[in-house]
Protein backbone atom coordinates (compact mmCIF):
# COMPACT_ATOMS: atom_id res chain seq x y z
CA MET A 1 -100.02 -7.77 -37.97
CA THR A 2 -96.80 -6.09 -40.11
CA PRO A 3 -94.36 -7.82 -41.60
CA THR A 4 -90.90 -7.78 -39.99
CA GLY A 5 -87.51 -7.40 -41.91
CA PRO A 6 -84.77 -9.61 -43.77
CA HIS A 7 -84.59 -12.14 -41.61
CA PRO A 8 -81.70 -16.01 -42.54
CA ASN A 9 -82.33 -17.61 -45.39
CA SER A 10 -82.98 -21.61 -45.59
CA SER A 11 -79.79 -23.39 -46.64
CA SER A 12 -81.85 -26.73 -48.04
CA ARG A 13 -83.30 -27.18 -50.92
CA ARG A 14 -85.51 -29.71 -53.39
CA ASP A 15 -83.23 -29.80 -56.38
CA VAL A 16 -85.19 -29.94 -59.36
CA SER A 17 -83.48 -30.02 -62.54
CA GLY A 18 -83.80 -27.43 -64.88
CA LEU A 19 -85.67 -25.15 -62.41
CA ASP A 20 -85.83 -23.28 -59.82
CA ASP A 21 -86.89 -21.42 -57.43
CA HIS A 22 -88.88 -17.98 -57.71
CA ASP A 23 -92.30 -15.75 -57.92
CA PRO A 24 -92.53 -15.56 -54.38
CA LEU A 25 -96.00 -13.72 -54.81
CA ARG A 26 -97.77 -16.64 -55.91
CA ALA A 27 -96.06 -18.29 -52.71
CA LEU A 28 -97.26 -15.71 -50.42
CA ALA A 29 -100.62 -14.93 -52.59
CA ASP A 30 -101.62 -18.73 -52.49
CA VAL A 31 -100.47 -20.90 -50.17
CA PRO A 32 -101.51 -24.18 -50.46
CA ASN A 33 -103.95 -26.15 -48.22
CA SER A 34 -103.29 -29.51 -49.02
CA ALA A 35 -101.98 -30.36 -45.38
CA VAL A 36 -99.78 -29.29 -42.95
CA PRO A 37 -96.66 -29.27 -43.55
CA PRO A 38 -93.42 -30.21 -41.46
CA VAL A 39 -92.57 -27.56 -39.16
CA GLU A 40 -89.16 -27.06 -40.48
CA GLY A 41 -91.17 -27.39 -43.36
CA VAL A 42 -92.74 -24.25 -42.61
CA HIS A 43 -89.67 -22.27 -41.96
CA ARG A 44 -88.35 -23.62 -45.38
CA ARG A 45 -90.74 -21.66 -47.10
CA ALA A 46 -91.27 -18.88 -44.83
CA ALA A 47 -87.53 -18.08 -45.77
CA ALA A 48 -88.58 -18.64 -49.45
CA ILE A 49 -91.19 -16.12 -49.29
CA ARG A 50 -88.78 -13.47 -47.23
CA ARG A 51 -86.38 -13.56 -49.82
CA GLY A 52 -88.70 -13.00 -52.71
CA GLN A 53 -89.90 -10.10 -51.32
CA ARG A 54 -86.10 -8.74 -51.27
CA ARG A 55 -85.93 -9.57 -55.19
CA THR A 56 -88.89 -8.34 -55.86
CA LYS A 57 -89.19 -4.97 -53.26
CA LEU A 58 -93.23 -5.29 -53.75
CA GLY A 59 -95.18 -4.09 -50.60
CA VAL A 60 -97.51 -6.14 -49.56
CA SER A 61 -99.53 -5.12 -47.08
CA ALA A 62 -100.68 -6.75 -43.40
CA GLY A 63 -104.81 -7.15 -44.72
CA LEU A 64 -103.64 -9.35 -47.79
CA LEU A 65 -100.86 -11.04 -45.33
CA ALA A 66 -104.22 -12.61 -43.16
CA SER A 67 -106.32 -13.08 -46.22
CA ALA A 68 -103.72 -14.59 -47.87
CA LEU A 69 -102.58 -16.99 -45.28
CA ILE A 70 -105.33 -17.82 -43.07
CA VAL A 71 -106.60 -20.79 -44.18
CA GLY A 72 -107.57 -22.99 -41.19
CA GLY A 73 -105.47 -25.60 -39.45
CA VAL A 74 -102.73 -25.98 -37.16
CA LEU A 75 -101.29 -22.70 -35.06
CA VAL A 76 -98.09 -21.93 -35.44
CA PRO A 77 -96.87 -19.44 -32.45
CA GLN A 78 -95.40 -16.36 -33.44
CA SER A 79 -91.88 -17.49 -30.34
CA ASP A 80 -92.28 -19.81 -27.60
CA ASN A 81 -89.04 -17.96 -26.43
CA ASP A 82 -90.69 -15.21 -26.81
CA PRO A 83 -92.24 -13.82 -23.81
CA GLY A 84 -93.95 -11.01 -25.24
CA THR A 85 -96.27 -13.51 -27.99
CA ARG A 86 -95.90 -16.90 -26.06
CA GLY A 87 -99.30 -18.60 -26.23
CA THR A 88 -100.65 -15.26 -28.95
CA VAL A 89 -102.37 -15.79 -31.72
CA GLN A 90 -101.25 -14.02 -35.32
CA ALA A 91 -103.20 -13.44 -37.74
CA ALA A 92 -101.47 -15.58 -40.44
CA SER A 93 -101.61 -18.57 -37.80
CA PHE A 94 -103.24 -21.16 -40.06
CA ILE A 95 -101.68 -22.22 -42.26
CA GLY A 96 -103.41 -25.22 -43.50
CA LEU A 97 -105.57 -28.07 -42.67
CA ALA A 98 -105.15 -31.78 -42.11
CA ARG A 99 -106.90 -34.02 -43.24
CA ALA A 100 -108.80 -36.48 -40.99
CA HIS A 101 -107.27 -39.74 -41.90
CA ALA A 102 -103.00 -39.67 -42.59
CA GLY A 103 -104.06 -42.32 -45.75
CA THR A 104 -105.28 -39.77 -47.30
CA GLY A 105 -103.04 -37.42 -47.64
CA SER A 106 -101.87 -35.14 -44.12
CA ASP A 107 -98.16 -36.96 -44.57
CA CYS A 108 -97.87 -35.13 -48.63
CA GLY A 109 -95.37 -31.49 -48.58
CA VAL A 110 -94.48 -28.88 -50.38
CA SER A 111 -91.74 -27.76 -51.84
CA TYR A 112 -90.46 -23.74 -51.86
CA GLY A 113 -91.95 -23.59 -56.05
CA VAL A 114 -90.51 -23.59 -58.73
CA ASN A 115 -90.83 -22.39 -63.03
CA VAL A 116 -90.88 -24.59 -65.39
CA PRO A 117 -88.44 -24.22 -67.89
CA ARG A 118 -90.89 -23.68 -71.52
CA ARG A 119 -89.14 -26.46 -73.14
CA GLN A 120 -91.53 -28.37 -70.96
CA TRP A 121 -93.82 -27.30 -70.84
CA VAL A 122 -95.22 -26.35 -74.07
CA ASN A 123 -96.27 -29.48 -75.05
CA ASP A 124 -98.04 -30.37 -71.97
CA PRO A 125 -101.55 -30.54 -71.49
CA ARG A 126 -101.49 -29.30 -67.92
CA ALA A 127 -100.04 -25.69 -69.73
CA ALA A 128 -102.28 -26.06 -72.56
CA ARG A 129 -105.33 -25.91 -70.15
CA LEU A 130 -104.39 -22.74 -68.98
CA THR A 131 -102.65 -20.26 -71.58
CA ALA A 132 -104.44 -17.62 -71.93
CA TRP A 133 -103.82 -13.67 -72.70
CA ILE A 134 -104.62 -9.91 -73.15
CA PRO A 135 -103.60 -8.15 -76.75
CA ALA A 136 -100.77 -5.98 -75.36
CA GLU A 137 -102.98 -3.34 -76.92
CA ALA A 138 -105.34 -3.58 -74.27
CA THR A 139 -102.74 -2.57 -71.32
CA GLY A 140 -100.59 -0.28 -72.98
CA GLU A 141 -98.05 -2.20 -71.80
CA PRO A 142 -95.66 -4.10 -74.28
CA VAL A 143 -95.61 -7.80 -72.78
CA ARG A 144 -92.63 -8.81 -70.92
CA GLY A 145 -92.74 -12.11 -70.78
CA VAL A 146 -94.67 -15.11 -69.76
CA ASN A 147 -94.46 -18.16 -67.25
CA VAL A 148 -95.38 -21.75 -65.76
CA HIS A 149 -94.99 -21.72 -62.45
CA THR A 150 -95.54 -25.16 -60.01
CA ASP A 151 -95.35 -25.34 -56.21
CA GLY A 152 -94.61 -28.88 -56.27
CA ILE A 153 -97.47 -29.90 -53.94
CA THR A 154 -97.31 -33.34 -53.62
CA CYS A 155 -100.86 -34.76 -52.70
CA LEU A 156 -104.48 -33.62 -53.68
CA PRO A 157 -104.78 -30.19 -52.19
CA LEU A 158 -108.15 -29.91 -49.75
CA ALA A 159 -110.78 -27.87 -51.25
CA PRO A 160 -113.60 -26.37 -49.47
CA ALA A 161 -117.10 -28.67 -49.40
CA ALA A 162 -118.94 -25.41 -50.15
CA ALA A 163 -117.93 -21.74 -50.42
CA LEU A 164 -121.15 -19.58 -49.63
CA TYR A 165 -120.94 -15.56 -50.31
CA THR A 166 -123.58 -12.21 -50.08
CA GLU A 167 -122.94 -9.48 -51.81
CA ALA A 168 -125.12 -7.17 -49.98
CA PRO A 169 -124.24 -7.18 -47.28
CA LYS A 170 -121.04 -8.54 -47.84
CA GLN A 171 -120.36 -11.64 -46.60
CA GLY A 172 -118.51 -14.81 -46.72
CA LEU A 173 -118.73 -18.37 -45.72
CA SER A 174 -116.38 -21.54 -46.52
CA LEU A 175 -116.28 -24.76 -45.35
CA TRP A 176 -114.06 -28.07 -44.90
CA ALA A 177 -115.08 -31.76 -44.25
CA ASP A 178 -113.49 -34.43 -42.85
CA VAL A 179 -110.33 -32.81 -40.97
CA ALA A 180 -108.40 -33.10 -38.08
CA ARG A 181 -109.51 -31.40 -35.25
CA PRO A 182 -107.76 -28.05 -35.58
CA PHE A 183 -107.73 -26.23 -32.19
CA ARG A 184 -105.72 -27.07 -29.11
CA GLY A 185 -106.58 -24.77 -26.42
CA GLU A 186 -105.37 -21.33 -28.24
CA GLU A 187 -105.93 -18.29 -26.95
CA GLY A 188 -109.68 -17.03 -27.21
CA LEU A 189 -111.21 -20.27 -28.11
CA ARG A 190 -114.15 -20.92 -26.07
CA THR A 191 -117.51 -23.12 -27.00
CA VAL A 192 -120.30 -22.57 -28.89
CA GLN A 193 -123.56 -24.71 -29.33
CA VAL A 194 -124.47 -25.79 -33.06
CA ARG A 195 -126.00 -28.08 -34.89
CA GLY A 196 -127.41 -29.88 -31.37
CA THR A 197 -123.82 -30.06 -30.59
CA THR A 198 -121.00 -28.08 -29.12
CA ALA A 199 -118.61 -26.43 -31.36
CA GLU A 200 -115.06 -24.71 -31.11
CA LEU A 201 -115.07 -20.97 -31.81
CA LEU A 202 -112.03 -18.89 -32.33
CA PRO A 203 -112.18 -15.40 -33.17
CA LEU A 204 -109.36 -14.19 -35.91
CA PRO A 205 -108.83 -10.81 -36.88
CA GLY A 206 -111.22 -10.37 -39.62
CA ASN A 207 -113.44 -13.64 -39.40
CA LEU A 208 -114.39 -15.80 -36.94
CA MET A 209 -113.40 -19.73 -37.17
CA LEU A 210 -115.58 -22.75 -36.02
CA SER A 211 -115.18 -27.09 -35.52
CA TRP A 212 -117.20 -29.61 -34.71
CA THR A 213 -118.02 -32.66 -35.17
CA GLU A 214 -121.36 -34.81 -36.85
CA PRO A 215 -123.18 -37.65 -35.86
CA ASP A 216 -121.84 -39.69 -38.10
CA GLY A 217 -118.28 -39.16 -37.05
CA THR A 218 -117.13 -36.30 -39.87
CA ARG A 219 -115.25 -33.57 -38.56
CA TRP A 220 -115.96 -29.34 -40.43
CA VAL A 221 -114.54 -26.61 -39.96
CA VAL A 222 -116.56 -23.59 -41.04
CA GLN A 223 -114.65 -19.92 -41.81
CA GLY A 224 -116.61 -17.20 -41.90
CA SER A 225 -116.48 -12.80 -42.14
CA GLY A 226 -118.98 -10.00 -42.67
CA LEU A 227 -121.47 -12.12 -39.67
CA ASP A 228 -121.21 -12.50 -36.39
CA GLU A 229 -121.22 -15.51 -34.03
CA ALA A 230 -125.12 -15.53 -34.48
CA ALA A 231 -125.46 -15.40 -37.88
CA ILE A 232 -122.89 -18.38 -38.65
CA VAL A 233 -124.60 -20.64 -36.16
CA ALA A 234 -128.47 -19.48 -38.08
CA THR A 235 -126.87 -19.96 -41.46
CA LEU A 236 -125.04 -23.80 -40.29
CA ASP A 237 -128.23 -25.43 -38.38
CA ASP A 238 -130.21 -24.80 -42.01
CA LEU A 239 -127.55 -26.34 -43.51
CA THR A 240 -128.01 -30.28 -44.86
CA LEU A 241 -124.71 -32.49 -44.37
CA GLU A 242 -124.34 -35.06 -45.75
CA GLY A 243 -121.08 -37.43 -45.14
CA THR A 244 -118.50 -34.96 -46.49
CA THR A 245 -120.64 -32.92 -49.13
CA VAL A 246 -122.58 -29.33 -48.67
CA ASP A 247 -126.46 -30.08 -50.42
CA PRO A 248 -127.15 -27.11 -52.46
CA ASP A 249 -131.13 -26.74 -51.85
CA SER A 250 -130.35 -26.10 -47.89
CA VAL A 251 -128.13 -23.35 -48.62
CA PRO A 252 -131.11 -20.67 -47.30
CA ALA A 253 -131.23 -17.06 -49.39
CA PRO A 254 -129.41 -15.33 -49.13
CA TRP A 255 -126.36 -17.30 -50.34
CA GLN A 256 -124.88 -17.63 -53.32
CA GLN A 257 -122.57 -20.75 -53.69
CA SER A 258 -119.45 -20.39 -55.70
CA PRO A 259 -118.89 -23.27 -58.77
CA ALA A 260 -116.97 -26.68 -57.01
CA PRO A 261 -113.29 -27.45 -58.39
CA ASP A 262 -113.56 -29.74 -61.23
CA ALA A 263 -113.52 -33.16 -59.59
CA ALA A 264 -113.58 -34.14 -63.41
CA GLN A 265 -110.26 -32.56 -63.60
CA PRO A 266 -106.79 -34.23 -62.94
CA PHE A 267 -105.00 -32.27 -60.10
CA SER A 268 -102.27 -30.02 -61.44
CA ASP A 269 -100.66 -26.94 -59.57
CA TRP A 270 -99.10 -25.40 -62.56
CA THR A 271 -100.19 -21.63 -62.63
CA TRP A 272 -99.15 -19.64 -65.90
CA ASP A 273 -98.85 -16.32 -65.94
CA VAL A 274 -98.13 -13.09 -67.98
CA GLU A 275 -96.00 -10.02 -67.79
CA TYR A 276 -97.40 -6.81 -69.44
CA GLY A 277 -94.47 -3.54 -68.48
CA PRO A 278 -91.12 -2.54 -69.58
CA SER A 279 -90.37 -3.20 -65.61
CA GLY A 280 -92.10 -5.87 -64.70
CA TYR A 281 -94.50 -6.48 -61.70
CA THR A 282 -93.23 -4.40 -58.85
CA GLN A 283 -94.34 -1.47 -56.46
CA ASP A 284 -92.45 1.01 -58.56
CA ALA A 285 -93.40 0.15 -61.82
CA PRO A 286 -96.51 -2.46 -61.75
CA GLY A 287 -97.37 -3.34 -65.05
CA ILE A 288 -100.00 -5.66 -65.24
CA ARG A 289 -99.90 -9.42 -64.53
CA LEU A 290 -102.64 -12.10 -66.18
CA GLY A 291 -102.98 -15.31 -64.13
CA VAL A 292 -104.40 -18.37 -64.56
CA LYS A 293 -104.38 -22.05 -62.31
CA PRO A 294 -106.83 -24.33 -61.26
CA LEU A 295 -109.58 -23.78 -59.64
CA VAL A 296 -109.01 -25.19 -56.20
CA GLU A 297 -110.26 -22.25 -53.56
CA PRO A 298 -113.40 -20.74 -55.43
CA ILE A 299 -112.79 -16.55 -54.42
CA ALA A 300 -115.65 -17.02 -52.15
CA THR A 301 -113.54 -18.79 -49.53
CA GLY A 302 -111.32 -15.38 -50.05
CA VAL A 303 -114.34 -13.70 -48.77
CA ALA A 304 -114.76 -16.08 -46.06
CA ARG A 305 -111.45 -14.84 -44.73
CA GLY A 306 -111.52 -11.17 -45.01
CA ALA A 307 -114.84 -9.68 -46.39
CA ASP A 308 -113.94 -6.56 -45.69
CA LEU A 309 -110.25 -6.80 -48.02
CA TYR A 310 -112.48 -7.08 -51.10
CA THR A 311 -115.38 -5.21 -53.70
CA PHE A 312 -117.68 -7.56 -55.66
CA THR A 313 -118.21 -7.14 -59.17
CA ARG A 314 -118.37 -8.85 -62.18
CA VAL A 315 -116.31 -9.74 -65.66
CA ASN A 316 -118.40 -11.47 -68.33
CA GLY A 317 -120.98 -11.69 -66.08
CA HIS A 318 -119.14 -14.16 -63.78
CA VAL A 319 -118.91 -13.14 -59.78
CA ALA A 320 -115.25 -11.35 -59.21
CA ILE A 321 -113.40 -10.12 -56.27
CA PHE A 322 -111.65 -6.93 -56.59
CA GLN A 323 -108.48 -5.97 -53.58
CA THR A 324 -106.84 -2.68 -53.71
CA ASP A 325 -103.23 -5.69 -52.40
CA LEU A 326 -100.50 -6.83 -54.23
CA LEU A 327 -101.19 -3.38 -56.15
CA GLY A 328 -104.36 -4.04 -57.29
CA CYS A 329 -106.12 -7.04 -58.41
CA VAL A 330 -109.93 -8.49 -60.06
CA ARG A 331 -109.64 -12.40 -59.03
CA TRP A 332 -112.99 -14.63 -61.10
CA ASP A 333 -113.41 -18.29 -61.97
CA ASP A 334 -114.66 -19.42 -64.53
CA ALA A 335 -115.22 -22.98 -66.11
CA GLY A 336 -112.63 -24.38 -62.61
CA LEU A 337 -110.40 -22.08 -63.35
CA SER A 338 -109.43 -19.11 -61.24
CA TYR A 339 -107.78 -16.08 -63.26
CA SER A 340 -106.69 -12.46 -62.01
CA VAL A 341 -105.39 -9.88 -63.55
CA CYS A 342 -103.46 -7.04 -61.06
CA GLY A 343 -101.39 -4.45 -61.45
CA SER A 344 -104.20 -0.95 -60.85
CA GLN A 345 -105.67 0.55 -57.83
CA ASP A 346 -108.34 1.35 -60.67
CA MET A 347 -111.28 -1.68 -60.34
CA ASP A 348 -112.99 -1.08 -63.65
CA LEU A 349 -109.28 -0.23 -65.76
CA LEU A 350 -109.04 -4.69 -64.41
CA VAL A 351 -112.69 -5.65 -65.32
CA LYS A 352 -112.09 -3.97 -68.50
CA LEU A 353 -108.87 -5.78 -69.20
CA ALA A 354 -110.47 -9.06 -67.53
CA GLU A 355 -113.29 -9.29 -70.17
CA GLN A 356 -110.31 -9.32 -73.44
CA VAL A 357 -108.92 -12.62 -71.39
CA GLU A 358 -108.80 -15.19 -74.54
CA HIS A 359 -108.10 -18.89 -73.67
CA VAL A 360 -104.72 -18.79 -76.15
CA ALA A 361 -103.24 -22.75 -76.97
CA THR A 362 -99.44 -23.04 -76.24
CA THR A 363 -98.42 -22.61 -80.07
CA ASP A 364 -100.12 -19.06 -80.62
CA PRO A 365 -98.14 -17.67 -82.24
CA ARG A 366 -97.80 -14.15 -79.93
CA LEU A 367 -97.02 -16.28 -76.46
CA GLN A 368 -94.09 -18.07 -78.65
CA ALA A 369 -93.19 -14.75 -79.21
CA ALA A 370 -93.00 -13.78 -75.77
CA PRO A 371 -89.94 -13.79 -73.72
CA ASP A 372 -89.59 -16.58 -70.38
CA LEU A 373 -90.28 -14.22 -67.01
CA TYR A 374 -87.21 -15.47 -65.86
CA PRO A 375 -84.45 -16.36 -68.13
CA ALA A 376 -82.46 -19.39 -66.91
CA ASP A 377 -79.48 -16.73 -66.95
CA ASP A 378 -81.45 -14.48 -64.55
CA GLN A 379 -82.88 -18.16 -62.25
CA ALA A 380 -79.03 -18.29 -62.18
CA ALA A 381 -77.95 -14.74 -61.17
CA GLN A 382 -81.10 -14.55 -58.87
CA GLU A 383 -79.89 -18.37 -57.03
CA SER A 384 -76.27 -16.99 -56.79
CA ALA A 385 -77.32 -13.84 -54.81
CA SER A 386 -79.77 -15.72 -52.45
């Protein structure tokens, strides 16, 4: 799927004092999978993304769009009014898994995404958990600025029950438990036998999705990439599912299991960014961008959406993935956090920089001396232009 040209922006906004809508790249690359938002909210978010794409002038490939937005869940048709697209499945048609029961959060929502002012985050433990740094001399670029961002998620995101991967062959498999039925007669949908019952299977660009209900009434959704239907079914048949969990001892070789999110940590959708380079993170002069956020979706979840989009590597002994989209990124998980270093097609360079990432206090002099990525005056000008 190729992104189309600009569309009219949505006029409605959420009033958040001192904060501003920005950073569309993260909104595109990290679509929260907490619940299915209302259709009007989907349109507002899409408008914000398109608006941001025009601001950043950043080229994003169709492959990235598919990997970023296919999360599983509810189909959003391209256009009910366009005879040429009615009933078709887009690469970006699955935008969020709905929980099985409204009381667990399926009625919650997501805002556009806003930047948190420094005066607010500098003494906040949510920021203190995330703040990290790459020495500027390692990047060879000046520090352009720092930023804390929030997507305004009003409920806990839905994390996978398990995210599995193999490096050779390159494969990914993510399992999601206690979700609402995701499919409603989509084109290409058919039935297969899984774990002694009938499951629905939907082929998508670069991956397959299956959904079935266990005897205890728990509905599961699985997404797999890099392996065919028979291999996915065989793997699922081997697993021991206990309520909404996957018994790690039942994971068959050669599958490896990505670390799960830290359930002991209170949920926060705050993210941390540092940019290096005089022009910022743009197509013409990408510079380097360090990003840190709480772990919700392990890197294997991305591989399950499109194994061909990634190359496995290592960062300080941690399994990592490299993708050429988003100007080139290396991503890895460590101690309940998800890290990314982006801005080059040279995987070895990004790995070298990633291995120099260090956690720093919000009071670190280097951080305090860094400017804000999006000063208040710039934010006001951008809002006026939109």
